[in-house]
């Protein structure tokens, strides 16, 4: 991710989440001047500052740096979160079976009727 993209990504997430830079500053204790410097590409945020920003915006660092097209969802739906919760609660042997099954479904382009 390029420098300008990091700053744009922060701006995008603030807007997408319905916050203002002022709210981020107040609730995260990051000085407003620092945030404006980051947003206006004067400088890059430190890892510490970026961690605080991600925590405030409720995104992981991985999600922050995730490169996705506009058609790809950036966040998990409640249903996807539930599936991950269930997946993590079963043995690795069963997880492997599920992985194989999902790959089979994807590769064979099976359509399941609702």
PDB file of N, CA and C in Angstrom:
ATOM      1  N   UNK A   1       0.850  -1.166   0.000  1.00  0.00           N
ATOM      2  CA  UNK A   1       0.000   0.000   0.000  1.00  0.00           C
ATOM      3  C   UNK A   1       0.899   1.233   0.000  1.00  0.00           C
ATOM      4  N   UNK A   2       0.683   2.153  -0.884  1.00  0.00           N
ATOM      5  CA  UNK A   2       1.460   3.382  -0.990  1.00  0.00           C
ATOM      6  C   UNK A   2       1.098   4.355   0.136  1.00  0.00           C
ATOM      7  N   UNK A   3       1.983   5.334   0.390  1.00  0.00           N
ATOM      8  CA  UNK A   3       1.735   6.324   1.448  1.00  0.00           C
ATOM      9  C   UNK A   3       0.387   7.002   1.284  1.00  0.00           C
ATOM     10  N   UNK A   4       0.111   7.490   0.082  1.00  0.00           N
ATOM     11  CA  UNK A   4      -1.130   8.208  -0.171  1.00  0.00           C
ATOM     12  C   UNK A   4      -2.335   7.296   0.044  1.00  0.00           C
ATOM     13  N   UNK A   5      -2.170   6.009  -0.264  1.00  0.00           N
ATOM     14  CA  UNK A   5      -3.264   5.062  -0.075  1.00  0.00           C
ATOM     15  C   UNK A   5      -3.571   4.846   1.407  1.00  0.00           C
ATOM     16  N   UNK A   6      -2.561   4.851   2.250  1.00  0.00           N
ATOM     17  CA  UNK A   6      -2.780   4.696   3.690  1.00  0.00           C
ATOM     18  C   UNK A   6      -3.613   5.864   4.199  1.00  0.00           C
ATOM     19  N   UNK A   7      -3.234   7.063   3.814  1.00  0.00           N
ATOM     20  CA  UNK A   7      -3.962   8.239   4.256  1.00  0.00           C
ATOM     21  C   UNK A   7      -5.385   8.250   3.698  1.00  0.00           C
ATOM     22  N   UNK A   8      -5.530   7.864   2.455  1.00  0.00           N
ATOM     23  CA  UNK A   8      -6.863   7.787   1.844  1.00  0.00           C
ATOM     24  C   UNK A   8      -7.707   6.718   2.519  1.00  0.00           C
ATOM     25  N   UNK A   9      -7.066   5.614   2.888  1.00  0.00           N
ATOM     26  CA  UNK A   9      -7.792   4.516   3.537  1.00  0.00           C
ATOM     27  C   UNK A   9      -8.338   4.967   4.895  1.00  0.00           C
ATOM     28  N   UNK A  10      -7.539   5.711   5.641  1.00  0.00           N
ATOM     29  CA  UNK A  10      -8.005   6.237   6.926  1.00  0.00           C
ATOM     30  C   UNK A  10      -9.198   7.160   6.695  1.00  0.00           C
ATOM     31  N   UNK A  11      -9.073   8.050   5.741  1.00  0.00           N
ATOM     32  CA  UNK A  11     -10.166   8.977   5.420  1.00  0.00           C
ATOM     33  C   UNK A  11     -11.421   8.211   5.015  1.00  0.00           C
ATOM     34  N   UNK A  12     -11.245   7.189   4.175  1.00  0.00           N
ATOM     35  CA  UNK A  12     -12.371   6.378   3.709  1.00  0.00           C
ATOM     36  C   UNK A  12     -13.068   5.680   4.869  1.00  0.00           C
ATOM     37  N   UNK A  13     -12.286   5.062   5.761  1.00  0.00           N
ATOM     38  CA  UNK A  13     -12.876   4.340   6.892  1.00  0.00           C
ATOM     39  C   UNK A  13     -13.596   5.277   7.847  1.00  0.00           C
ATOM     40  N   UNK A  14     -13.039   6.454   8.084  1.00  0.00           N
ATOM     41  CA  UNK A  14     -13.700   7.432   8.947  1.00  0.00           C
ATOM     42  C   UNK A  14     -15.056   7.797   8.356  1.00  0.00           C
ATOM     43  N   UNK A  15     -15.082   8.045   7.065  1.00  0.00           N
ATOM     44  CA  UNK A  15     -16.327   8.405   6.385  1.00  0.00           C
ATOM     45  C   UNK A  15     -17.303   7.236   6.366  1.00  0.00           C
ATOM     46  N   UNK A  16     -16.806   6.047   5.989  1.00  0.00           N
ATOM     47  CA  UNK A  16     -17.669   4.865   5.914  1.00  0.00           C
ATOM     48  C   UNK A  16     -18.317   4.541   7.253  1.00  0.00           C
ATOM     49  N   UNK A  17     -17.593   4.756   8.325  1.00  0.00           N
ATOM     50  CA  UNK A  17     -18.108   4.435   9.663  1.00  0.00           C
ATOM     51  C   UNK A  17     -18.982   5.563  10.224  1.00  0.00           C
ATOM     52  N   UNK A  18     -19.064   6.673   9.486  1.00  0.00           N
ATOM     53  CA  UNK A  18     -19.924   7.770   9.916  1.00  0.00           C
ATOM     54  C   UNK A  18     -19.325   8.657  11.003  1.00  0.00           C
ATOM     55  N   UNK A  19     -18.009   8.702  11.080  1.00  0.00           N
ATOM     56  CA  UNK A  19     -17.345   9.531  12.075  1.00  0.00           C
ATOM     57  C   UNK A  19     -16.759  10.773  11.417  1.00  0.00           C
ATOM     58  N   UNK A  20     -16.336  11.690  12.257  1.00  0.00           N
ATOM     59  CA  UNK A  20     -15.595  12.858  11.788  1.00  0.00           C
ATOM     60  C   UNK A  20     -14.174  12.747  12.340  1.00  0.00           C
ATOM     61  N   UNK A  21     -13.283  13.505  11.767  1.00  0.00           N
ATOM     62  CA  UNK A  21     -11.902  13.523  12.261  1.00  0.00           C
ATOM     63  C   UNK A  21     -11.891  14.066  13.692  1.00  0.00           C
ATOM     64  N   UNK A  22     -12.767  15.020  13.967  1.00  0.00           N
ATOM     65  CA  UNK A  22     -12.869  15.587  15.312  1.00  0.00           C
ATOM     66  C   UNK A  22     -13.268  14.503  16.324  1.00  0.00           C
ATOM     67  N   UNK A  23     -14.267  13.678  15.985  1.00  0.00           N
ATOM     68  CA  UNK A  23     -14.688  12.589  16.882  1.00  0.00           C
ATOM     69  C   UNK A  23     -13.543  11.613  17.128  1.00  0.00           C
ATOM     70  N   UNK A  24     -12.851  11.263  16.054  1.00  0.00           N
ATOM     71  CA  UNK A  24     -11.709  10.350  16.187  1.00  0.00           C
ATOM     72  C   UNK A  24     -10.682  10.947  17.135  1.00  0.00           C
ATOM     73  N   UNK A  25     -10.403  12.220  16.983  1.00  0.00           N
ATOM     74  CA  UNK A  25      -9.430  12.889  17.840  1.00  0.00           C
ATOM     75  C   UNK A  25      -9.873  12.878  19.297  1.00  0.00           C
ATOM     76  N   UNK A  26     -11.104  13.248  19.543  1.00  0.00           N
ATOM     77  CA  UNK A  26     -11.613  13.314  20.917  1.00  0.00           C
ATOM     78  C   UNK A  26     -11.628  11.947  21.592  1.00  0.00           C
ATOM     79  N   UNK A  27     -12.100  10.931  20.875  1.00  0.00           N
ATOM     80  CA  UNK A  27     -12.280   9.617  21.486  1.00  0.00           C
ATOM     81  C   UNK A  27     -11.003   8.783  21.524  1.00  0.00           C
ATOM     82  N   UNK A  28     -10.034   9.132  20.706  1.00  0.00           N
ATOM     83  CA  UNK A  28      -8.792   8.348  20.674  1.00  0.00           C
ATOM     84  C   UNK A  28      -7.623   9.053  21.350  1.00  0.00           C
ATOM     85  N   UNK A  29      -7.814  10.330  21.682  1.00  0.00           N
ATOM     86  CA  UNK A  29      -6.755  11.167  22.273  1.00  0.00           C
ATOM     87  C   UNK A  29      -5.593  11.425  21.321  1.00  0.00           C
ATOM     88  N   UNK A  30      -5.831  11.236  20.034  1.00  0.00           N
ATOM     89  CA  UNK A  30      -4.823  11.619  19.032  1.00  0.00           C
ATOM     90  C   UNK A  30      -5.078  13.092  18.721  1.00  0.00           C
ATOM     91  N   UNK A  31      -4.052  13.940  18.829  1.00  0.00           N
ATOM     92  CA  UNK A  31      -4.270  15.359  18.568  1.00  0.00           C
ATOM     93  C   UNK A  31      -4.873  15.597  17.173  1.00  0.00           C
ATOM     94  N   UNK A  32      -5.793  16.537  17.120  1.00  0.00           N
ATOM     95  CA  UNK A  32      -6.452  16.863  15.854  1.00  0.00           C
ATOM     96  C   UNK A  32      -5.438  17.266  14.795  1.00  0.00           C
ATOM     97  N   UNK A  33      -4.405  17.997  15.204  1.00  0.00           N
ATOM     98  CA  UNK A  33      -3.379  18.421  14.242  1.00  0.00           C
ATOM     99  C   UNK A  33      -2.650  17.214  13.656  1.00  0.00           C
ATOM    100  N   UNK A  34      -2.437  16.193  14.470  1.00  0.00           N
ATOM    101  CA  UNK A  34      -1.796  14.965  13.991  1.00  0.00           C
ATOM    102  C   UNK A  34      -2.679  14.290  12.956  1.00  0.00           C
ATOM    103  N   UNK A  35      -3.974  14.164  13.275  1.00  0.00           N
ATOM    104  CA  UNK A  35      -4.892  13.517  12.338  1.00  0.00           C
ATOM    105  C   UNK A  35      -4.995  14.282  11.027  1.00  0.00           C
ATOM    106  N   UNK A  36      -5.068  15.605  11.088  1.00  0.00           N
ATOM    107  CA  UNK A  36      -5.123  16.381   9.849  1.00  0.00           C
ATOM    108  C   UNK A  36      -3.836  16.224   9.046  1.00  0.00           C
ATOM    109  N   UNK A  37      -2.700  16.139   9.728  1.00  0.00           N
ATOM    110  CA  UNK A  37      -1.436  15.904   9.037  1.00  0.00           C
ATOM    111  C   UNK A  37      -1.427  14.568   8.312  1.00  0.00           C
ATOM    112  N   UNK A  38      -2.024  13.550   8.954  1.00  0.00           N
ATOM    113  CA  UNK A  38      -2.106  12.220   8.342  1.00  0.00           C
ATOM    114  C   UNK A  38      -3.076  12.238   7.169  1.00  0.00           C
ATOM    115  N   UNK A  39      -4.254  12.792   7.393  1.00  0.00           N
ATOM    116  CA  UNK A  39      -5.297  12.816   6.365  1.00  0.00           C
ATOM    117  C   UNK A  39      -4.848  13.610   5.139  1.00  0.00           C
ATOM    118  N   UNK A  40      -4.109  14.690   5.372  1.00  0.00           N
ATOM    119  CA  UNK A  40      -3.661  15.550   4.262  1.00  0.00           C
ATOM    120  C   UNK A  40      -2.317  15.135   3.694  1.00  0.00           C
ATOM    121  N   UNK A  41      -1.878  13.922   4.057  1.00  0.00           N
ATOM    122  CA  UNK A  41      -0.656  13.335   3.504  1.00  0.00           C
ATOM    123  C   UNK A  41       0.600  14.142   3.804  1.00  0.00           C
ATOM    124  N   UNK A  42       0.602  14.830   4.943  1.00  0.00           N
ATOM    125  CA  UNK A  42       1.802  15.536   5.368  1.00  0.00           C
ATOM    126  C   UNK A  42       2.816  14.526   5.895  1.00  0.00           C
ATOM    127  N   UNK A  43       2.295  13.520   6.590  1.00  0.00           N
ATOM    128  CA  UNK A  43       3.144  12.434   7.077  1.00  0.00           C
ATOM    129  C   UNK A  43       2.308  11.189   7.306  1.00  0.00           C
ATOM    130  N   UNK A  44       2.998  10.075   7.475  1.00  0.00           N
ATOM    131  CA  UNK A  44       2.343   8.799   7.723  1.00  0.00           C
ATOM    132  C   UNK A  44       2.151   8.580   9.223  1.00  0.00           C
ATOM    133  N   UNK A  45       1.110   7.845   9.586  1.00  0.00           N
ATOM    134  CA  UNK A  45       0.942   7.553  11.013  1.00  0.00           C
ATOM    135  C   UNK A  45       1.966   6.521  11.470  1.00  0.00           C
ATOM    136  N   UNK A  46       2.348   6.626  12.728  1.00  0.00           N
ATOM    137  CA  UNK A  46       3.198   5.582  13.309  1.00  0.00           C
ATOM    138  C   UNK A  46       2.351   4.327  13.476  1.00  0.00           C
ATOM    139  N   UNK A  47       2.999   3.207  13.703  1.00  0.00           N
ATOM    140  CA  UNK A  47       2.273   1.959  13.953  1.00  0.00           C
ATOM    141  C   UNK A  47       1.366   2.125  15.167  1.00  0.00           C
ATOM    142  N   UNK A  48       1.861   2.771  16.194  1.00  0.00           N
ATOM    143  CA  UNK A  48       1.073   3.000  17.406  1.00  0.00           C
ATOM    144  C   UNK A  48      -0.188   3.819  17.091  1.00  0.00           C
ATOM    145  N   UNK A  49      -0.015   4.898  16.352  1.00  0.00           N
ATOM    146  CA  UNK A  49      -1.156   5.741  15.986  1.00  0.00           C
ATOM    147  C   UNK A  49      -2.129   4.984  15.100  1.00  0.00           C
ATOM    148  N   UNK A  50      -1.613   4.235  14.145  1.00  0.00           N
ATOM    149  CA  UNK A  50      -2.475   3.454  13.262  1.00  0.00           C
ATOM    150  C   UNK A  50      -3.246   2.392  14.047  1.00  0.00           C
ATOM    151  N   UNK A  51      -2.608   1.800  15.041  1.00  0.00           N
ATOM    152  CA  UNK A  51      -3.282   0.826  15.896  1.00  0.00           C
ATOM    153  C   UNK A  51      -4.444   1.473  16.649  1.00  0.00           C
ATOM    154  N   UNK A  52      -4.229   2.658  17.165  1.00  0.00           N
ATOM    155  CA  UNK A  52      -5.289   3.392  17.873  1.00  0.00           C
ATOM    156  C   UNK A  52      -6.434   3.723  16.917  1.00  0.00           C
ATOM    157  N   UNK A  53      -6.096   4.177  15.711  1.00  0.00           N
ATOM    158  CA  UNK A  53      -7.111   4.507  14.708  1.00  0.00           C
ATOM    159  C   UNK A  53      -7.927   3.265  14.358  1.00  0.00           C
ATOM    160  N   UNK A  54      -7.249   2.152  14.118  1.00  0.00           N
ATOM    161  CA  UNK A  54      -7.950   0.906  13.775  1.00  0.00           C
ATOM    162  C   UNK A  54      -8.862   0.460  14.909  1.00  0.00           C
ATOM    163  N   UNK A  55      -8.382   0.573  16.138  1.00  0.00           N
ATOM    164  CA  UNK A  55      -9.205   0.181  17.286  1.00  0.00           C
ATOM    165  C   UNK A  55     -10.461   1.043  17.349  1.00  0.00           C
ATOM    166  N   UNK A  56     -10.309   2.337  17.173  1.00  0.00           N
ATOM    167  CA  UNK A  56     -11.456   3.247  17.197  1.00  0.00           C
ATOM    168  C   UNK A  56     -12.453   2.910  16.090  1.00  0.00           C
ATOM    169  N   UNK A  57     -11.933   2.590  14.910  1.00  0.00           N
ATOM    170  CA  UNK A  57     -12.791   2.296  13.759  1.00  0.00           C
ATOM    171  C   UNK A  57     -13.269   0.848  13.746  1.00  0.00           C
ATOM    172  N   UNK A  58     -12.851   0.085  14.743  1.00  0.00           N
ATOM    173  CA  UNK A  58     -13.261  -1.313  14.888  1.00  0.00           C
ATOM    174  C   UNK A  58     -12.872  -2.167  13.675  1.00  0.00           C
ATOM    175  N   UNK A  59     -11.634  -1.987  13.224  1.00  0.00           N
ATOM    176  CA  UNK A  59     -11.078  -2.821  12.161  1.00  0.00           C
ATOM    177  C   UNK A  59      -9.718  -3.332  12.627  1.00  0.00           C
ATOM    178  N   UNK A  60      -9.371  -4.510  12.182  1.00  0.00           N
ATOM    179  CA  UNK A  60      -8.049  -5.037  12.491  1.00  0.00           C
ATOM    180  C   UNK A  60      -7.047  -4.418  11.523  1.00  0.00           C
ATOM    181  N   UNK A  61      -5.784  -4.568  11.842  1.00  0.00           N
ATOM    182  CA  UNK A  61      -4.748  -4.084  10.919  1.00  0.00           C
ATOM    183  C   UNK A  61      -4.858  -4.823   9.588  1.00  0.00           C
ATOM    184  N   UNK A  62      -5.168  -6.120   9.657  1.00  0.00           N
ATOM    185  CA  UNK A  62      -5.340  -6.902   8.434  1.00  0.00           C
ATOM    186  C   UNK A  62      -6.450  -6.341   7.570  1.00  0.00           C
ATOM    187  N   UNK A  63      -7.583  -5.999   8.196  1.00  0.00           N
ATOM    188  CA  UNK A  63      -8.692  -5.422   7.443  1.00  0.00           C
ATOM    189  C   UNK A  63      -8.315  -4.064   6.880  1.00  0.00           C
ATOM    190  N   UNK A  64      -7.527  -3.313   7.662  1.00  0.00           N
ATOM    191  CA  UNK A  64      -7.105  -1.989   7.188  1.00  0.00           C
ATOM    192  C   UNK A  64      -6.308  -2.102   5.895  1.00  0.00           C
ATOM    193  N   UNK A  65      -5.398  -3.060   5.851  1.00  0.00           N
ATOM    194  CA  UNK A  65      -4.525  -3.196   4.689  1.00  0.00           C
ATOM    195  C   UNK A  65      -5.074  -4.118   3.612  1.00  0.00           C
ATOM    196  N   UNK A  66      -6.261  -4.650   3.846  1.00  0.00           N
ATOM    197  CA  UNK A  66      -6.878  -5.547   2.881  1.00  0.00           C
ATOM    198  C   UNK A  66      -7.128  -4.822   1.572  1.00  0.00           C
ATOM    199  N   UNK A  67      -6.574  -5.368   0.515  1.00  0.00           N
ATOM    200  CA  UNK A  67      -6.803  -4.815  -0.817  1.00  0.00           C
ATOM    201  C   UNK A  67      -8.002  -5.538  -1.396  1.00  0.00           C
ATOM    202  N   UNK A  68      -9.084  -4.834  -1.652  1.00  0.00           N
ATOM    203  CA  UNK A  68     -10.266  -5.481  -2.203  1.00  0.00           C
ATOM    204  C   UNK A  68     -10.910  -4.577  -3.235  1.00  0.00           C
ATOM    205  N   UNK A  69     -11.654  -5.203  -4.123  1.00  0.00           N
ATOM    206  CA  UNK A  69     -12.388  -4.422  -5.107  1.00  0.00           C
ATOM    207  C   UNK A  69     -13.622  -3.863  -4.435  1.00  0.00           C
ATOM    208  N   UNK A  70     -14.276  -2.909  -5.084  1.00  0.00           N
ATOM    209  CA  UNK A  70     -15.460  -2.297  -4.506  1.00  0.00           C
ATOM    210  C   UNK A  70     -16.598  -3.291  -4.356  1.00  0.00           C
ATOM    211  N   UNK A  71     -16.537  -4.418  -5.069  1.00  0.00           N
ATOM    212  CA  UNK A  71     -17.585  -5.426  -4.965  1.00  0.00           C
ATOM    213  C   UNK A  71     -17.354  -6.382  -3.793  1.00  0.00           C
ATOM    214  N   UNK A  72     -16.127  -6.457  -3.298  1.00  0.00           N
ATOM    215  CA  UNK A  72     -15.821  -7.349  -2.189  1.00  0.00           C
ATOM    216  C   UNK A  72     -16.215  -6.692  -0.876  1.00  0.00           C
ATOM    217  N   UNK A  73     -16.878  -7.426   0.018  1.00  0.00           N
ATOM    218  CA  UNK A  73     -17.209  -6.836   1.305  1.00  0.00           C
ATOM    219  C   UNK A  73     -15.949  -6.679   2.151  1.00  0.00           C
ATOM    220  N   UNK A  74     -15.838  -5.570   2.833  1.00  0.00           N
ATOM    221  CA  UNK A  74     -14.685  -5.330   3.683  1.00  0.00           C
ATOM    222  C   UNK A  74     -14.895  -5.938   5.061  1.00  0.00           C
ATOM    223  N   UNK A  75     -16.142  -6.022   5.477  1.00  0.00           N
ATOM    224  CA  UNK A  75     -16.452  -6.512   6.803  1.00  0.00           C
ATOM    225  C   UNK A  75     -17.277  -7.780   6.697  1.00  0.00           C
ATOM    226  N   UNK A  76     -17.225  -8.595   7.724  1.00  0.00           N
ATOM    227  CA  UNK A  76     -17.999  -9.827   7.738  1.00  0.00           C
ATOM    228  C   UNK A  76     -19.437  -9.528   8.139  1.00  0.00           C
ATOM    229  N   UNK A  77     -20.348 -10.211   7.492  1.00  0.00           N
ATOM    230  CA  UNK A  77     -21.749 -10.114   7.877  1.00  0.00           C
ATOM    231  C   UNK A  77     -21.936 -10.895   9.178  1.00  0.00           C
ATOM    232  N   UNK A  78     -23.036 -10.670   9.893  1.00  0.00           N
ATOM    233  CA  UNK A  78     -23.283 -11.460  11.108  1.00  0.00           C
ATOM    234  C   UNK A  78     -23.294 -12.961  10.825  1.00  0.00           C
ATOM    235  N   UNK A  79     -23.827 -13.354   9.679  1.00  0.00           N
ATOM    236  CA  UNK A  79     -23.849 -14.767   9.319  1.00  0.00           C
ATOM    237  C   UNK A  79     -22.429 -15.310   9.135  1.00  0.00           C
ATOM    238  N   UNK A  80     -21.575 -14.551   8.464  1.00  0.00           N
ATOM    239  CA  UNK A  80     -20.186 -14.971   8.273  1.00  0.00           C
ATOM    240  C   UNK A  80     -19.450 -15.062   9.610  1.00  0.00           C
ATOM    241  N   UNK A  81     -19.691 -14.093  10.487  1.00  0.00           N
ATOM    242  CA  UNK A  81     -19.067 -14.134  11.811  1.00  0.00           C
ATOM    243  C   UNK A  81     -19.510 -15.382  12.568  1.00  0.00           C
ATOM    244  N   UNK A  82     -20.782 -15.727  12.454  1.00  0.00           N
ATOM    245  CA  UNK A  82     -21.311 -16.923  13.118  1.00  0.00           C
ATOM    246  C   UNK A  82     -20.646 -18.187  12.562  1.00  0.00           C
ATOM    247  N   UNK A  83     -20.487 -18.237  11.234  1.00  0.00           N
ATOM    248  CA  UNK A  83     -19.836 -19.403  10.628  1.00  0.00           C
ATOM    249  C   UNK A  83     -18.396 -19.539  11.116  1.00  0.00           C
ATOM    250  N   UNK A  84     -17.706 -18.441  11.227  1.00  0.00           N
ATOM    251  CA  UNK A  84     -16.323 -18.482  11.714  1.00  0.00           C
ATOM    252  C   UNK A  84     -16.292 -18.947  13.169  1.00  0.00           C
ATOM    253  N   UNK A  85     -17.226 -18.444  13.974  1.00  0.00           N
ATOM    254  CA  UNK A  85     -17.316 -18.873  15.363  1.00  0.00           C
ATOM    255  C   UNK A  85     -17.510 -20.389  15.445  1.00  0.00           C
ATOM    256  N   UNK A  86     -18.451 -20.912  14.644  1.00  0.00           N
ATOM    257  CA  UNK A  86     -18.701 -22.352  14.649  1.00  0.00           C
ATOM    258  C   UNK A  86     -17.490 -23.131  14.149  1.00  0.00           C
ATOM    259  N   UNK A  87     -16.874 -22.634  13.083  1.00  0.00           N
ATOM    260  CA  UNK A  87     -15.706 -23.293  12.497  1.00  0.00           C
ATOM    261  C   UNK A  87     -14.583 -23.409  13.525  1.00  0.00           C
ATOM    262  N   UNK A  88     -14.365 -22.351  14.283  1.00  0.00           N
ATOM    263  CA  UNK A  88     -13.286 -22.352  15.276  1.00  0.00           C
ATOM    264  C   UNK A  88     -13.589 -23.255  16.464  1.00  0.00           C
ATOM    265  N   UNK A  89     -14.846 -23.632  16.634  1.00  0.00           N
ATOM    266  CA  UNK A  89     -15.212 -24.447  17.791  1.00  0.00           C
ATOM    267  C   UNK A  89     -15.127 -25.945  17.530  1.00  0.00           C
ATOM    268  N   UNK A  90     -14.759 -26.331  16.302  1.00  0.00           N
ATOM    269  CA  UNK A  90     -14.667 -27.760  15.987  1.00  0.00           C
ATOM    270  C   UNK A  90     -13.208 -28.165  15.816  1.00  0.00           C
ATOM    271  N   UNK A  91     -12.980 -29.461  15.792  1.00  0.00           N
ATOM    272  CA  UNK A  91     -11.607 -29.976  15.708  1.00  0.00           C
ATOM    273  C   UNK A  91     -10.980 -29.638  14.353  1.00  0.00           C
ATOM    274  N   UNK A  92      -9.667 -29.644  14.325  1.00  0.00           N
ATOM    275  CA  UNK A  92      -8.966 -29.356  13.072  1.00  0.00           C
ATOM    276  C   UNK A  92      -9.272 -30.408  12.008  1.00  0.00           C
ATOM    277  N   UNK A  93      -9.515 -31.642  12.434  1.00  0.00           N
ATOM    278  CA  UNK A  93      -9.875 -32.693  11.478  1.00  0.00           C
ATOM    279  C   UNK A  93     -11.191 -32.344  10.786  1.00  0.00           C
ATOM    280  N   UNK A  94     -12.175 -31.915  11.551  1.00  0.00           N
ATOM    281  CA  UNK A  94     -13.453 -31.524  10.950  1.00  0.00           C
ATOM    282  C   UNK A  94     -13.303 -30.243  10.118  1.00  0.00           C
ATOM    283  N   UNK A  95     -12.460 -29.338  10.568  1.00  0.00           N
ATOM    284  CA  UNK A  95     -12.200 -28.124   9.781  1.00  0.00           C
ATOM    285  C   UNK A  95     -11.635 -28.488   8.412  1.00  0.00           C
ATOM    286  N   UNK A  96     -10.753 -29.471   8.374  1.00  0.00           N
ATOM    287  CA  UNK A  96     -10.194 -29.910   7.091  1.00  0.00           C
ATOM    288  C   UNK A  96     -11.275 -30.465   6.170  1.00  0.00           C
ATOM    289  N   UNK A  97     -12.204 -31.217   6.727  1.00  0.00           N
ATOM    290  CA  UNK A  97     -13.317 -31.749   5.927  1.00  0.00           C
ATOM    291  C   UNK A  97     -14.181 -30.611   5.367  1.00  0.00           C
ATOM    292  N   UNK A  98     -14.444 -29.631   6.190  1.00  0.00           N
ATOM    293  CA  UNK A  98     -15.240 -28.483   5.736  1.00  0.00           C
ATOM    294  C   UNK A  98     -14.494 -27.735   4.642  1.00  0.00           C
ATOM    295  N   UNK A  99     -13.198 -27.542   4.822  1.00  0.00           N
ATOM    296  CA  UNK A  99     -12.393 -26.870   3.798  1.00  0.00           C
ATOM    297  C   UNK A  99     -12.484 -27.602   2.459  1.00  0.00           C
ATOM    298  N   UNK A 100     -12.340 -28.910   2.517  1.00  0.00           N
ATOM    299  CA  UNK A 100     -12.414 -29.722   1.291  1.00  0.00           C
ATOM    300  C   UNK A 100     -13.792 -29.617   0.641  1.00  0.00           C
ATOM    301  N   UNK A 101     -14.827 -29.652   1.454  1.00  0.00           N
ATOM    302  CA  UNK A 101     -16.192 -29.558   0.938  1.00  0.00           C
ATOM    303  C   UNK A 101     -16.438 -28.205   0.284  1.00  0.00           C
ATOM    304  N   UNK A 102     -15.997 -27.147   0.911  1.00  0.00           N
ATOM    305  CA  UNK A 102     -16.181 -25.813   0.338  1.00  0.00           C
ATOM    306  C   UNK A 102     -15.429 -25.666  -0.985  1.00  0.00           C
ATOM    307  N   UNK A 103     -14.225 -26.206  -1.039  1.00  0.00           N
ATOM    308  CA  UNK A 103     -13.470 -26.167  -2.291  1.00  0.00           C
ATOM    309  C   UNK A 103     -14.184 -26.955  -3.383  1.00  0.00           C
ATOM    310  N   UNK A 104     -14.735 -28.091  -3.022  1.00  0.00           N
ATOM    311  CA  UNK A 104     -15.487 -28.900  -3.977  1.00  0.00           C
ATOM    312  C   UNK A 104     -16.702 -28.127  -4.503  1.00  0.00           C
ATOM    313  N   UNK A 105     -17.418 -27.494  -3.604  1.00  0.00           N
ATOM    314  CA  UNK A 105     -18.578 -26.700  -4.021  1.00  0.00           C
ATOM    315  C   UNK A 105     -18.162 -25.567  -4.966  1.00  0.00           C
ATOM    316  N   UNK A 106     -17.084 -24.902  -4.612  1.00  0.00           N
ATOM    317  CA  UNK A 106     -16.604 -23.793  -5.448  1.00  0.00           C
ATOM    318  C   UNK A 106     -16.152 -24.289  -6.815  1.00  0.00           C
ATOM    319  N   UNK A 107     -15.385 -25.366  -6.817  1.00  0.00           N
ATOM    320  CA  UNK A 107     -14.809 -25.868  -8.068  1.00  0.00           C
ATOM    321  C   UNK A 107     -15.821 -26.491  -9.000  1.00  0.00           C
ATOM    322  N   UNK A 108     -16.853 -27.074  -8.445  1.00  0.00           N
ATOM    323  CA  UNK A 108     -17.881 -27.706  -9.289  1.00  0.00           C
ATOM    324  C   UNK A 108     -19.011 -26.750  -9.606  1.00  0.00           C
ATOM    325  N   UNK A 109     -18.948 -25.569  -9.001  1.00  0.00           N
ATOM    326  CA  UNK A 109     -19.973 -24.550  -9.249  1.00  0.00           C
ATOM    327  C   UNK A 109     -21.376 -25.079  -8.969  1.00  0.00           C
ATOM    328  N   UNK A 110     -21.490 -25.826  -7.901  1.00  0.00           N
ATOM    329  CA  UNK A 110     -22.758 -26.420  -7.509  1.00  0.00           C
ATOM    330  C   UNK A 110     -23.705 -25.305  -7.051  1.00  0.00           C
ATOM    331  N   UNK A 111     -24.926 -25.346  -7.528  1.00  0.00           N
ATOM    332  CA  UNK A 111     -25.904 -24.379  -7.037  1.00  0.00           C
ATOM    333  C   UNK A 111     -26.822 -25.098  -6.074  1.00  0.00           C
ATOM    334  N   UNK A 112     -26.979 -24.485  -4.930  1.00  0.00           N
ATOM    335  CA  UNK A 112     -27.828 -25.062  -3.905  1.00  0.00           C
ATOM    336  C   UNK A 112     -29.113 -24.259  -3.883  1.00  0.00           C
ATOM    337  N   UNK A 113     -30.234 -24.947  -4.013  1.00  0.00           N
ATOM    338  CA  UNK A 113     -31.544 -24.278  -4.023  1.00  0.00           C
ATOM    339  C   UNK A 113     -31.985 -23.992  -2.619  1.00  0.00           C
ATOM    340  N   UNK A 114     -32.525 -22.814  -2.430  1.00  0.00           N
ATOM    341  CA  UNK A 114     -33.009 -22.426  -1.089  1.00  0.00           C
ATOM    342  C   UNK A 114     -34.385 -22.962  -0.836  1.00  0.00           C
TER     343      UNK A 114
END
